[in-house]
Amino acid sequence: MENYRIYFEESERNEVVGILRKYNDVIIDNIDDTSVGITIERDDSGALYANILDEIDRFVYSARTHTGHNVNT
């Protein structure tokens, strides 16, 4: 059993929490505007956490609109 925190933008909160609720071995400990604390109740919690982050990256973070300055200039 391991504890983790996942950060997101306020507008992404519902999507991230929706993804986390699909997993039976994930307990949502607390949620605020820009992060969620979870506990993973499996021996291979690190592997499941990596899979969850990958899913969040593909379906939530990848949809972000990237505005701002080019860091390479």
C-alpha atoms as a PDB file:
ATOM      1  CA  MET A   1       0.000   0.000   0.000  1.00  0.00           C
ATOM      2  CA  GLU A   2       1.479   3.329  -1.115  1.00  0.00           C
ATOM      3  CA  ASN A   3       0.305   6.943  -1.084  1.00  0.00           C
ATOM      4  CA  TYR A   4       0.633   9.272  -4.077  1.00  0.00           C
ATOM      5  CA  ARG A   5      -0.444  12.767  -5.116  1.00  0.00           C
ATOM      6  CA  ILE A   6      -1.469  13.689  -8.652  1.00  0.00           C
ATOM      7  CA  TYR A   7      -1.473  17.330  -9.757  1.00  0.00           C
ATOM      8  CA  PHE A   8      -3.651  18.884 -12.444  1.00  0.00           C
ATOM      9  CA  GLU A   9      -5.194  22.157 -13.554  1.00  0.00           C
ATOM     10  CA  GLU A  10      -8.546  23.107 -11.997  1.00  0.00           C
ATOM     11  CA  SER A  11     -10.408  22.469 -15.246  1.00  0.00           C
ATOM     12  CA  GLU A  12      -9.013  18.905 -15.392  1.00  0.00           C
ATOM     13  CA  ARG A  13     -10.198  17.843 -11.939  1.00  0.00           C
ATOM     14  CA  ASN A  14     -13.332  15.917 -12.984  1.00  0.00           C
ATOM     15  CA  GLU A  15     -11.530  14.031 -15.752  1.00  0.00           C
ATOM     16  CA  VAL A  16      -8.663  12.966 -13.478  1.00  0.00           C
ATOM     17  CA  VAL A  17     -11.001  11.889 -10.671  1.00  0.00           C
ATOM     18  CA  GLY A  18     -13.130   9.984 -13.193  1.00  0.00           C
ATOM     19  CA  ILE A  19     -10.100   8.018 -14.334  1.00  0.00           C
ATOM     20  CA  LEU A  20      -9.088   7.228 -10.742  1.00  0.00           C
ATOM     21  CA  ARG A  21     -12.575   5.970  -9.881  1.00  0.00           C
ATOM     22  CA  LYS A  22     -12.257   3.226 -12.520  1.00  0.00           C
ATOM     23  CA  TYR A  23      -9.620   1.421 -10.468  1.00  0.00           C
ATOM     24  CA  ASN A  24     -10.790  -0.856  -7.645  1.00  0.00           C
ATOM     25  CA  ASP A  25      -7.406  -0.768  -5.905  1.00  0.00           C
ATOM     26  CA  VAL A  26      -7.259   3.044  -5.735  1.00  0.00           C
ATOM     27  CA  ILE A  27      -8.679   4.912  -2.746  1.00  0.00           C
ATOM     28  CA  ILE A  28      -9.133   8.655  -3.140  1.00  0.00           C
ATOM     29  CA  ASP A  29      -7.958  10.124   0.170  1.00  0.00           C
ATOM     30  CA  ASN A  30      -8.467  13.831  -0.486  1.00  0.00           C
ATOM     31  CA  ILE A  31      -9.113  16.217  -3.341  1.00  0.00           C
ATOM     32  CA  ASP A  32      -8.462  19.924  -3.673  1.00  0.00           C
ATOM     33  CA  ASP A  33      -8.616  22.317  -6.616  1.00  0.00           C
ATOM     34  CA  THR A  34      -5.314  21.246  -8.175  1.00  0.00           C
ATOM     35  CA  SER A  35      -4.413  17.829  -6.759  1.00  0.00           C
ATOM     36  CA  VAL A  36      -5.718  14.538  -5.467  1.00  0.00           C
ATOM     37  CA  GLY A  37      -4.169  12.267  -2.847  1.00  0.00           C
ATOM     38  CA  ILE A  38      -4.600   8.550  -3.429  1.00  0.00           C
ATOM     39  CA  THR A  39      -3.680   5.267  -1.803  1.00  0.00           C
ATOM     40  CA  ILE A  40      -3.007   2.241  -4.001  1.00  0.00           C
ATOM     41  CA  GLU A  41      -3.699  -1.019  -2.198  1.00  0.00           C
ATOM     42  CA  ARG A  42      -1.632  -3.451  -4.244  1.00  0.00           C
ATOM     43  CA  ASP A  43       1.787  -4.994  -3.914  1.00  0.00           C
ATOM     44  CA  ASP A  44       2.735  -3.624  -7.334  1.00  0.00           C
ATOM     45  CA  SER A  45       1.447  -0.112  -6.548  1.00  0.00           C
ATOM     46  CA  GLY A  46       4.299   1.554  -8.449  1.00  0.00           C
ATOM     47  CA  ALA A  47       3.356  -0.218 -11.670  1.00  0.00           C
ATOM     48  CA  LEU A  48      -0.321   0.664 -11.301  1.00  0.00           C
ATOM     49  CA  TYR A  49       0.586   4.281 -10.514  1.00  0.00           C
ATOM     50  CA  ALA A  50       2.662   4.441 -13.708  1.00  0.00           C
ATOM     51  CA  ASN A  51      -0.279   3.039 -15.707  1.00  0.00           C
ATOM     52  CA  ILE A  52      -2.650   5.581 -14.155  1.00  0.00           C
ATOM     53  CA  LEU A  53      -0.290   8.464 -14.942  1.00  0.00           C
ATOM     54  CA  ASP A  54       0.035   7.207 -18.501  1.00  0.00           C
ATOM     55  CA  GLU A  55      -3.749   7.133 -18.904  1.00  0.00           C
ATOM     56  CA  ILE A  56      -4.111  10.621 -17.402  1.00  0.00           C
ATOM     57  CA  ASP A  57      -1.348  11.886 -19.683  1.00  0.00           C
ATOM     58  CA  ARG A  58      -3.014  10.439 -22.794  1.00  0.00           C
ATOM     59  CA  PHE A  59      -6.576  11.542 -22.052  1.00  0.00           C
ATOM     60  CA  VAL A  60      -6.206  14.691 -19.946  1.00  0.00           C
ATOM     61  CA  TYR A  61      -2.796  16.358 -20.088  1.00  0.00           C
ATOM     62  CA  SER A  62      -2.377  15.828 -23.842  1.00  0.00           C
ATOM     63  CA  ALA A  63      -5.565  17.847 -24.415  1.00  0.00           C
ATOM     64  CA  ARG A  64      -4.074  20.942 -22.783  1.00  0.00           C
ATOM     65  CA  THR A  65      -3.697  23.947 -24.995  1.00  0.00           C
ATOM     66  CA  HIS A  66      -0.088  24.997 -24.892  1.00  0.00           C
ATOM     67  CA  THR A  67       0.247  28.745 -24.789  1.00  0.00           C
ATOM     68  CA  GLY A  68       3.072  30.866 -23.644  1.00  0.00           C
ATOM     69  CA  HIS A  69       6.630  31.509 -24.586  1.00  0.00           C
ATOM     70  CA  ASN A  70       8.960  29.214 -26.412  1.00  0.00           C
ATOM     71  CA  VAL A  71      11.607  28.210 -23.872  1.00  0.00           C
ATOM     72  CA  ASN A  72      14.185  27.669 -26.599  1.00  0.00           C
ATOM     73  CA  THR A  73      14.388  31.307 -27.670  1.00  0.00           C
END
